[in-house]
Amino acid sequence: MSRHHRNRSWAPAPEALPQGVEVIDDHTHMASVVPFAREMDRQARERGQEPVPVYSVDQQLDQARAVGVVGAIDVGCELPNLQTAVDLALSHPGVVHAALAIHPNEAVLHGHRGVPGPDGLPITYRPWHDTPFEEALGEVRRLALAYPDQVVAIGETGMDLFRTGREAADIQRQALRDHMALAKELDLPLQIHDRDAHQEVIDTLLADGAPERTVFHSYSGDADMARVAAEHGWYLSFSGTVSYKGNEGIRQALPIVGPDHIMVETDAPYLTPMPYRGRTNAPYMIPYTLRAMADALDKPIEEVARATRETTRRVYGI
């Protein structure tokens, strides 16, 4: 289907998880789903297609609950979005929890230190990038200390050498080290963003000593990297990419780390699982990803779902 004609509507709700089986979305950005869906609606209307509904966070949570997704860790990783994640957790106690950090691609923009990456996108500075990185990270620390019941992780931090060029790798590496130190200071799990930077991230974790609970969100490595993770007790969180053709390495990682070290996530509004790749993602889509994980493991979906739920609860204390 051409871009003009591609389907911009929401994917149908998946079959609900079996009765009594409940899971938590390990990593999502629900507030960002709203403008993403709004843009899908604009494009659809412009092309004469059916309008696309725009669902609020409350509606997203209702839709998720209907299929067995009973909670979410909402990630604020840009300075203006830190408080938003905390506010979502405050307004949905026991259901939404917050993870806070300055994203690696944001870290280089603070103080206007950006370097173009292989993705070819232009560098765009926003008003909040006038704030030095150290002050932005200070806000992460302040909120984590002020809202200990809501903030359950430091993340997403890490390295991304696709969006940001290698000339800024040292800036990202130092930002990762600073987040690692904060996670250890506060005794919180660390959520890692790792894109085209597997060895760099691993080397940094090993050099400084990874936090006790280190989670690779939207795992993008292969079987060999999974063996390193298993050796050091790190956790892998799987997104819709586990269902993509050609990602056999991601699927091979599942049995290597074992059921007590896997989680499931959306990374909404991105990384929608097959066969709905390219549409807006949201927590209700989790069962599609769980199905891909279960197929890769050759296990019942309820067994995989329970494993992710128990791991998530244990790692974040929720």
Protein backbone atom coordinates (compact mmCIF):
# COMPACT_ATOMS: atom_id res chain seq x y z
CA MET A 1 0.00 0.00 0.00
CA SER A 2 1.39 3.42 -0.90
CA ARG A 3 1.93 6.10 1.71
CA HIS A 4 -1.11 7.89 0.30
CA HIS A 5 -3.33 4.88 0.81
CA ARG A 6 -1.77 3.25 3.87
CA ASN A 7 -4.12 2.56 6.72
CA ARG A 8 -3.85 5.21 9.44
CA SER A 9 -6.68 3.90 11.60
CA TRP A 10 -6.25 2.16 14.93
CA ALA A 11 -5.52 -1.55 14.89
CA PRO A 12 -8.38 -3.74 16.11
CA ALA A 13 -8.22 -4.79 19.74
CA PRO A 14 -6.37 -8.07 20.18
CA GLU A 15 -7.95 -11.09 21.77
CA ALA A 16 -7.97 -10.48 25.53
CA LEU A 17 -5.53 -12.37 27.69
CA PRO A 18 -7.04 -15.41 29.43
CA GLN A 19 -9.19 -14.76 32.49
CA GLY A 20 -7.04 -13.92 35.49
CA VAL A 21 -3.91 -13.15 33.44
CA GLU A 22 -2.81 -9.53 33.76
CA VAL A 23 0.30 -7.70 32.55
CA ILE A 24 2.01 -4.33 32.83
CA ASP A 25 3.36 -2.24 29.94
CA ASP A 26 7.00 -1.83 30.95
CA HIS A 27 7.67 1.29 28.85
CA THR A 28 5.22 3.66 27.19
CA HIS A 29 4.62 7.35 26.45
CA MET A 30 0.85 7.70 26.73
CA ALA A 31 0.69 11.49 26.64
CA SER A 32 2.56 11.36 23.30
CA VAL A 33 -0.02 8.98 21.85
CA VAL A 34 -2.54 11.84 21.78
CA PRO A 35 -0.70 14.19 19.35
CA PHE A 36 0.52 11.18 17.34
CA ALA A 37 -3.06 10.00 16.77
CA ARG A 38 -4.11 13.57 16.05
CA GLU A 39 -1.50 13.72 13.27
CA MET A 40 -2.73 10.38 11.91
CA ASP A 41 -6.24 11.85 11.83
CA ARG A 42 -5.02 14.96 10.01
CA GLN A 43 -3.26 12.88 7.38
CA ALA A 44 -6.26 10.60 6.94
CA ARG A 45 -8.69 13.50 6.48
CA GLU A 46 -6.29 15.23 4.07
CA ARG A 47 -6.31 12.09 1.91
CA GLY A 48 -10.05 11.55 2.06
CA GLN A 49 -9.79 8.60 4.41
CA GLU A 50 -11.97 7.84 7.43
CA PRO A 51 -11.25 10.07 10.45
CA VAL A 52 -9.01 8.55 13.14
CA PRO A 53 -10.26 8.85 16.73
CA VAL A 54 -7.99 10.52 19.26
CA TYR A 55 -8.10 8.77 22.63
CA SER A 56 -7.24 10.37 25.95
CA VAL A 57 -4.94 8.69 28.45
CA ASP A 58 -7.98 7.56 30.45
CA GLN A 59 -9.46 5.97 27.34
CA GLN A 60 -6.14 4.30 26.52
CA LEU A 61 -6.05 2.78 30.00
CA ASP A 62 -9.66 1.57 29.71
CA GLN A 63 -8.89 -0.08 26.36
CA ALA A 64 -5.78 -1.70 27.82
CA ARG A 65 -7.62 -3.00 30.88
CA ALA A 66 -10.24 -4.62 28.64
CA VAL A 67 -7.58 -6.96 27.17
CA GLY A 68 -5.68 -7.66 30.41
CA VAL A 69 -3.12 -4.83 30.50
CA VAL A 70 -3.68 -3.43 33.98
CA GLY A 71 -0.77 -1.03 34.42
CA ALA A 72 1.94 0.95 32.70
CA ILE A 73 5.27 2.61 33.35
CA ASP A 74 5.01 5.97 31.62
CA VAL A 75 8.35 7.45 30.62
CA GLY A 76 9.19 11.13 30.69
CA CYS A 77 12.54 11.64 28.96
CA GLU A 78 12.44 15.27 27.82
CA LEU A 79 12.63 18.12 30.30
CA PRO A 80 9.06 19.38 29.63
CA ASN A 81 7.65 15.85 29.92
CA LEU A 82 9.13 14.90 33.29
CA GLN A 83 6.31 16.44 35.31
CA THR A 84 3.75 15.05 32.84
CA ALA A 85 4.78 11.48 33.64
CA VAL A 86 4.64 12.20 37.36
CA ASP A 87 1.20 13.79 37.01
CA LEU A 88 -0.11 10.73 35.15
CA ALA A 89 1.12 8.54 37.98
CA LEU A 90 -0.45 10.83 40.57
CA SER A 91 -3.81 10.80 38.79
CA HIS A 92 -3.82 7.02 38.28
CA PRO A 93 -2.42 5.61 41.53
CA GLY A 94 -1.44 1.96 41.42
CA VAL A 95 -2.02 1.84 37.66
CA VAL A 96 0.47 4.29 36.13
CA HIS A 97 4.02 4.62 37.42
CA ALA A 98 6.69 7.02 36.17
CA ALA A 99 10.23 6.60 34.86
CA LEU A 100 12.27 9.78 34.42
CA ALA A 101 15.48 10.68 32.60
CA ILE A 102 16.98 12.89 29.92
CA HIS A 103 16.97 10.84 26.72
CA PRO A 104 20.45 10.34 25.19
CA ASN A 105 19.50 12.32 22.09
CA GLU A 106 18.18 15.09 24.33
CA ALA A 107 21.35 15.07 26.42
CA VAL A 108 23.42 16.35 23.49
CA LEU A 109 20.85 19.02 22.61
CA HIS A 110 20.98 20.58 26.07
CA GLY A 111 23.55 23.33 25.79
CA HIS A 112 23.31 23.13 21.99
CA ARG A 113 25.89 20.35 21.53
CA GLY A 114 24.02 18.38 18.84
CA VAL A 115 25.76 16.42 16.09
CA PRO A 116 23.92 15.09 12.99
CA GLY A 117 23.48 11.32 12.95
CA PRO A 118 23.19 8.67 10.22
CA ASP A 119 19.42 9.17 10.14
CA GLY A 120 20.03 12.42 8.26
CA LEU A 121 17.50 14.45 10.24
CA PRO A 122 18.35 18.10 10.92
CA ILE A 123 19.26 19.18 14.44
CA THR A 124 16.34 21.04 16.00
CA TYR A 125 16.74 22.93 19.25
CA ARG A 126 13.75 23.74 21.47
CA PRO A 127 13.59 26.45 24.14
CA TRP A 128 14.28 23.96 26.94
CA HIS A 129 17.58 23.01 25.33
CA ASP A 130 18.99 26.31 26.58
CA THR A 131 19.04 24.59 29.98
CA PRO A 132 22.41 22.92 30.67
CA PHE A 133 22.27 19.14 30.87
CA GLU A 134 23.36 19.16 34.51
CA GLU A 135 20.35 21.29 35.45
CA ALA A 136 17.99 19.06 33.45
CA LEU A 137 19.31 15.98 35.22
CA GLY A 138 18.95 17.85 38.48
CA GLU A 139 15.23 18.15 37.76
CA VAL A 140 15.06 14.37 37.25
CA ARG A 141 16.65 13.91 40.68
CA ARG A 142 14.39 16.49 42.32
CA LEU A 143 11.21 14.86 41.04
CA ALA A 144 12.38 11.35 41.89
CA LEU A 145 13.04 12.45 45.47
CA ALA A 146 9.81 14.47 45.71
CA TYR A 147 7.60 11.65 44.40
CA PRO A 148 9.10 8.36 45.61
CA ASP A 149 5.76 6.52 45.37
CA GLN A 150 5.28 7.54 41.73
CA VAL A 151 8.81 7.42 40.26
CA VAL A 152 9.89 3.78 40.03
CA ALA A 153 12.84 4.01 37.60
CA ILE A 154 15.48 6.22 36.04
CA GLY A 155 15.12 6.02 32.28
CA GLU A 156 15.28 6.03 29.45
CA THR A 157 18.97 6.79 29.25
CA GLY A 158 21.72 5.17 27.22
CA MET A 159 23.30 5.83 23.84
CA ASP A 160 21.90 6.34 20.34
CA LEU A 161 24.38 6.53 17.48
CA PHE A 162 21.68 6.53 14.81
CA ARG A 163 20.02 9.83 15.70
CA THR A 164 23.21 11.42 17.06
CA GLY A 165 26.60 11.17 15.36
CA ARG A 166 29.64 9.48 16.86
CA GLU A 167 31.28 12.86 17.35
CA ALA A 168 28.91 13.31 20.30
CA ALA A 169 29.31 9.76 21.66
CA ASP A 170 31.37 10.97 24.61
CA ILE A 171 28.58 13.38 25.61
CA GLN A 172 26.03 10.58 25.55
CA ARG A 173 28.36 8.24 27.41
CA GLN A 174 28.85 10.76 30.20
CA ALA A 175 25.10 11.35 30.40
CA LEU A 176 24.59 7.60 30.74
CA ARG A 177 27.19 7.46 33.52
CA ASP A 178 25.46 10.32 35.33
CA HIS A 179 22.10 8.54 35.12
CA MET A 180 23.68 5.29 36.32
CA ALA A 181 25.08 7.10 39.34
CA LEU A 182 21.67 8.62 40.08
CA ALA A 183 19.90 5.27 39.81
CA LYS A 184 22.38 3.75 42.26
CA GLU A 185 22.12 6.74 44.62
CA LEU A 186 18.32 6.40 44.72
CA ASP A 187 18.31 2.58 44.54
CA LEU A 188 16.09 2.64 41.45
CA PRO A 189 16.09 0.45 38.32
CA LEU A 190 17.67 1.86 35.16
CA GLN A 191 15.94 1.72 31.78
CA ILE A 192 18.40 1.68 28.88
CA HIS A 193 17.83 3.09 25.38
CA ASP A 194 20.37 1.41 23.08
CA ARG A 195 20.31 2.12 19.35
CA ASP A 196 23.29 1.22 17.19
CA ALA A 197 25.44 1.42 20.32
CA HIS A 198 25.42 -2.08 21.83
CA GLN A 199 29.12 -2.35 22.63
CA GLU A 200 29.40 1.24 23.81
CA VAL A 201 26.52 0.78 26.26
CA ILE A 202 27.79 -2.56 27.54
CA ASP A 203 31.31 -1.21 28.02
CA THR A 204 29.96 1.74 30.01
CA LEU A 205 27.76 -0.44 32.20
CA LEU A 206 30.65 -2.74 32.98
CA ALA A 207 33.18 0.04 33.54
CA ASP A 208 31.05 1.91 36.08
CA GLY A 209 29.12 -1.02 37.50
CA ALA A 210 25.54 -1.30 36.30
CA PRO A 211 22.71 -0.67 38.75
CA GLU A 212 21.43 -3.87 40.32
CA ARG A 213 18.27 -3.72 38.19
CA THR A 214 19.25 -2.71 34.65
CA VAL A 215 16.62 -3.04 31.91
CA PHE A 216 17.24 -2.83 28.17
CA HIS A 217 14.01 -1.30 26.91
CA SER A 218 12.81 -2.34 23.45
CA TYR A 219 15.66 -4.80 23.23
CA SER A 220 17.39 -4.53 19.86
CA GLY A 221 20.41 -6.78 20.35
CA ASP A 222 21.01 -10.37 19.30
CA ALA A 223 21.67 -13.73 20.95
CA ASP A 224 25.29 -12.89 21.76
CA MET A 225 24.32 -9.69 23.52
CA ALA A 226 21.60 -11.57 25.39
CA ARG A 227 24.27 -13.93 26.74
CA VAL A 228 26.15 -10.92 28.13
CA ALA A 229 22.91 -9.68 29.69
CA ALA A 230 22.21 -13.07 31.20
CA GLU A 231 25.73 -13.27 32.62
CA HIS A 232 25.28 -9.97 34.44
CA GLY A 233 21.64 -10.38 35.45
CA TRP A 234 20.31 -7.61 33.22
CA TYR A 235 16.70 -7.58 32.09
CA LEU A 236 15.33 -7.41 28.53
CA SER A 237 12.05 -5.69 27.68
CA PHE A 238 10.52 -6.63 24.33
CA SER A 239 8.44 -4.30 22.15
CA GLY A 240 6.60 -4.82 18.88
CA THR A 241 9.95 -5.19 17.12
CA VAL A 242 10.06 -8.80 18.34
CA SER A 243 7.34 -9.48 15.76
CA TYR A 244 9.14 -7.85 12.80
CA LYS A 245 10.44 -9.97 9.97
CA GLY A 246 14.22 -10.08 10.01
CA ASN A 247 14.52 -9.63 13.77
CA GLU A 248 15.43 -13.25 14.45
CA GLY A 249 18.26 -12.15 16.73
CA ILE A 250 15.78 -10.42 19.03
CA ARG A 251 13.60 -13.51 19.16
CA GLN A 252 16.62 -15.72 19.88
CA ALA A 253 17.38 -13.60 22.94
CA LEU A 254 14.17 -14.64 24.71
CA PRO A 255 15.14 -18.14 25.87
CA ILE A 256 18.70 -17.07 26.67
CA VAL A 257 17.81 -14.66 29.48
CA GLY A 258 14.92 -16.83 30.66
CA PRO A 259 11.39 -16.08 31.90
CA ASP A 260 12.48 -14.33 35.10
CA HIS A 261 14.37 -11.66 33.14
CA ILE A 262 11.89 -10.68 30.39
CA MET A 263 9.29 -7.92 30.23
CA VAL A 264 6.90 -6.60 27.59
CA GLU A 265 6.28 -3.03 26.45
CA THR A 266 4.80 -0.88 23.72
CA ASP A 267 7.10 2.17 23.55
CA ALA A 268 3.86 3.79 22.37
CA PRO A 269 3.12 5.60 20.16
CA TYR A 270 5.92 3.85 18.23
CA LEU A 271 6.93 0.27 17.34
CA THR A 272 3.45 -1.10 16.75
CA PRO A 273 3.59 -4.91 16.42
CA MET A 274 2.84 -6.78 13.25
CA PRO A 275 0.63 -6.91 11.30
CA TYR A 276 -0.16 -3.29 12.20
CA ARG A 277 3.29 -1.72 11.93
CA GLY A 278 3.04 1.98 11.03
CA ARG A 279 -0.17 2.66 12.93
CA THR A 280 -0.43 4.35 16.32
CA ASN A 281 0.66 2.13 19.19
CA ALA A 282 -0.93 2.15 22.65
CA PRO A 283 -0.92 -0.17 25.70
CA TYR A 284 -3.93 -2.19 24.47
CA MET A 285 -1.63 -3.65 21.76
CA ILE A 286 0.49 -5.57 24.29
CA PRO A 287 -1.20 -8.97 23.64
CA TYR A 288 0.00 -8.88 20.02
CA THR A 289 3.59 -8.58 21.22
CA LEU A 290 3.05 -11.26 23.86
CA ARG A 291 1.80 -13.59 21.12
CA ALA A 292 5.02 -13.04 19.13
CA MET A 293 7.06 -13.71 22.26
CA ALA A 294 5.08 -16.86 23.03
CA ASP A 295 5.53 -18.11 19.47
CA ALA A 296 9.29 -17.53 19.68
CA LEU A 297 9.45 -19.44 22.96
CA ASP A 298 6.95 -22.10 21.89
CA LYS A 299 5.05 -21.55 25.14
CA PRO A 300 1.43 -20.67 25.96
CA ILE A 301 0.77 -16.93 25.89
CA GLU A 302 -0.56 -17.00 29.47
CA GLU A 303 2.72 -18.48 30.71
CA VAL A 304 4.76 -15.75 29.01
CA ALA A 305 2.35 -13.05 30.20
CA ARG A 306 2.63 -14.19 33.82
CA ALA A 307 6.42 -14.25 33.56
CA THR A 308 6.54 -10.65 32.33
CA ARG A 309 4.10 -9.55 35.04
CA GLU A 310 6.11 -11.11 37.85
CA THR A 311 9.40 -9.76 36.52
CA THR A 312 7.98 -6.25 36.17
CA ARG A 313 6.54 -6.28 39.67
CA ARG A 314 9.79 -7.57 41.15
CA VAL A 315 12.09 -5.15 39.31
CA TYR A 316 10.07 -1.99 40.01
CA GLY A 317 8.50 -2.97 43.32
CA ILE A 318 4.96 -2.39 42.04
